[in-house]
Amino acid sequence: MLAKLHTFSLLGIDALPVEVEVDVSPSALPKTVLVGLPEQAVKESIHRIERALVNSGFVLPANRVVINLAPAELPKQASSFDLPVALGLLAASGQIASDVSERYAIVGELALDGAMRPVKGAAA
């Protein structure tokens, strides 16, 4: 199942739109793949996101997960993608409704216990 969410990447003082696509599909071996030119900090955030979800009582899908951050040519940095990726993973695995993500742009960092943290440079 595919989930799409909207977020932003901060580049200097500009907030550039980014689409987060999360696809969960059956596979013999569970694996998470992150594509779309993510910086190392974003790649490492997958571990934080997975632990935040488990520690919040959600179940990680035992499937293949592909996460795409588009447009691919735009550099993605920082932890502001934690929350949209987590919500996309939950929506794509059928654990939450996916219609909420269509109406909002989502930005946020997650702690290992699932708590949300503010993102430097972002205002609500």
Protein backbone atom coordinates (compact mmCIF):
# COMPACT_ATOMS: atom_id res chain seq x y z
CA MET A 1 0.00 0.00 0.00
CA LEU A 2 1.23 3.51 -0.80
CA ALA A 3 0.96 6.61 1.39
CA LYS A 4 1.91 10.16 0.33
CA LEU A 5 2.54 13.07 2.68
CA HIS A 6 3.73 16.64 2.29
CA THR A 7 6.58 18.22 4.22
CA PHE A 8 9.32 20.80 3.73
CA SER A 9 13.10 20.83 3.56
CA LEU A 10 14.80 23.90 4.98
CA LEU A 11 17.50 25.27 2.70
CA GLY A 12 18.85 28.44 4.28
CA ILE A 13 15.76 30.51 5.01
CA ASP A 14 13.69 28.83 2.30
CA ALA A 15 11.19 26.06 2.99
CA LEU A 16 11.10 23.88 -0.11
CA PRO A 17 8.22 21.42 -0.58
CA VAL A 18 9.04 17.72 -0.38
CA GLU A 19 6.70 14.80 -0.98
CA VAL A 20 7.22 11.75 1.23
CA GLU A 21 6.07 8.51 -0.40
CA VAL A 22 6.02 5.33 1.66
CA ASP A 23 5.26 1.99 0.02
CA VAL A 24 4.79 -1.19 2.06
CA SER A 25 4.71 -4.39 0.00
CA PRO A 26 4.92 -8.11 0.76
CA SER A 27 8.41 -9.56 0.86
CA ALA A 28 10.12 -12.67 2.17
CA LEU A 29 12.63 -10.52 4.04
CA PRO A 30 11.68 -7.30 5.82
CA LYS A 31 13.82 -4.40 4.64
CA THR A 32 13.56 -0.60 4.68
CA VAL A 33 15.05 1.37 1.78
CA LEU A 34 15.31 5.17 1.75
CA VAL A 35 15.73 6.90 -1.63
CA GLY A 36 15.64 10.48 -2.91
CA LEU A 37 19.09 11.93 -2.09
CA PRO A 38 18.85 11.87 1.71
CA GLU A 39 21.78 13.15 3.76
CA GLN A 40 23.41 10.75 6.24
CA ALA A 41 21.41 12.20 9.17
CA VAL A 42 18.15 11.43 7.35
CA LYS A 43 19.31 7.87 6.54
CA GLU A 44 20.13 7.27 10.20
CA SER A 45 16.74 8.62 11.27
CA ILE A 46 15.09 5.38 10.10
CA HIS A 47 16.40 3.65 13.24
CA ARG A 48 15.01 6.44 15.45
CA ILE A 49 11.65 6.35 13.65
CA GLU A 50 11.32 2.58 13.97
CA ARG A 51 12.11 2.64 17.70
CA ALA A 52 9.75 5.59 18.28
CA LEU A 53 6.91 3.67 16.63
CA VAL A 54 7.56 0.45 18.55
CA ASN A 55 7.92 2.32 21.85
CA SER A 56 4.60 4.06 21.12
CA GLY A 57 2.80 0.73 20.75
CA PHE A 58 2.72 0.42 16.95
CA VAL A 59 3.85 -2.63 14.98
CA LEU A 60 6.57 -2.42 12.35
CA PRO A 61 5.47 -4.14 9.15
CA ALA A 62 7.36 -7.35 8.41
CA ASN A 63 7.48 -6.36 4.74
CA ARG A 64 9.59 -4.42 2.30
CA VAL A 65 9.32 -0.67 2.89
CA VAL A 66 10.47 1.86 0.30
CA ILE A 67 10.56 5.51 1.37
CA ASN A 68 11.00 8.12 -1.37
CA LEU A 69 11.72 11.79 -0.67
CA ALA A 70 10.88 13.79 -3.79
CA PRO A 71 12.11 15.69 -5.68
CA ALA A 72 15.22 13.53 -5.72
CA GLU A 73 17.57 16.37 -6.77
CA LEU A 74 16.78 18.44 -3.65
CA PRO A 75 19.20 17.73 -0.76
CA LYS A 76 17.39 16.59 2.40
CA GLN A 77 18.98 17.22 5.79
CA ALA A 78 18.11 17.23 9.48
CA SER A 79 15.51 15.34 11.45
CA SER A 80 12.44 17.21 10.20
CA PHE A 81 11.45 14.16 8.13
CA ASP A 82 10.95 11.88 11.18
CA LEU A 83 7.26 12.61 11.70
CA PRO A 84 6.14 12.52 8.04
CA VAL A 85 8.05 9.26 7.45
CA ALA A 86 6.58 7.72 10.62
CA LEU A 87 3.02 8.74 9.70
CA GLY A 88 3.56 7.52 6.13
CA LEU A 89 4.75 4.16 7.43
CA LEU A 90 1.71 3.85 9.69
CA ALA A 91 -0.68 4.87 6.89
CA ALA A 92 0.93 2.57 4.30
CA SER A 93 0.74 -0.37 6.72
CA GLY A 94 -2.94 0.34 7.49
CA GLN A 95 -2.43 1.31 11.15
CA ILE A 96 -3.84 4.84 10.74
CA ALA A 97 -6.16 6.50 8.22
CA SER A 98 -4.28 7.95 5.28
CA ASP A 99 -6.64 10.82 4.43
CA VAL A 100 -5.31 13.20 7.12
CA SER A 101 -1.93 13.45 5.42
CA GLU A 102 -3.46 14.92 2.26
CA ARG A 103 -4.58 18.12 4.00
CA TYR A 104 -1.47 19.10 5.94
CA ALA A 105 2.27 19.59 5.59
CA ILE A 106 3.93 17.62 8.38
CA VAL A 107 7.30 18.47 9.95
CA GLY A 108 8.75 17.08 13.17
CA GLU A 109 11.51 15.16 14.90
CA LEU A 110 10.78 12.10 17.02
CA ALA A 111 12.44 10.96 20.24
CA LEU A 112 13.02 7.25 20.83
CA ASP A 113 9.99 7.15 23.14
CA GLY A 114 7.77 8.58 20.38
CA ALA A 115 7.60 12.12 21.77
CA MET A 116 7.65 14.92 19.19
CA ARG A 117 10.48 17.43 19.26
CA PRO A 118 10.56 20.85 17.59
CA VAL A 119 12.51 21.39 14.39
CA LYS A 120 15.01 24.24 14.36
CA GLY A 121 13.99 26.91 11.86
CA ALA A 122 10.35 25.80 11.59
CA ALA A 123 7.36 27.74 12.91
CA ALA A 124 3.84 26.43 13.32
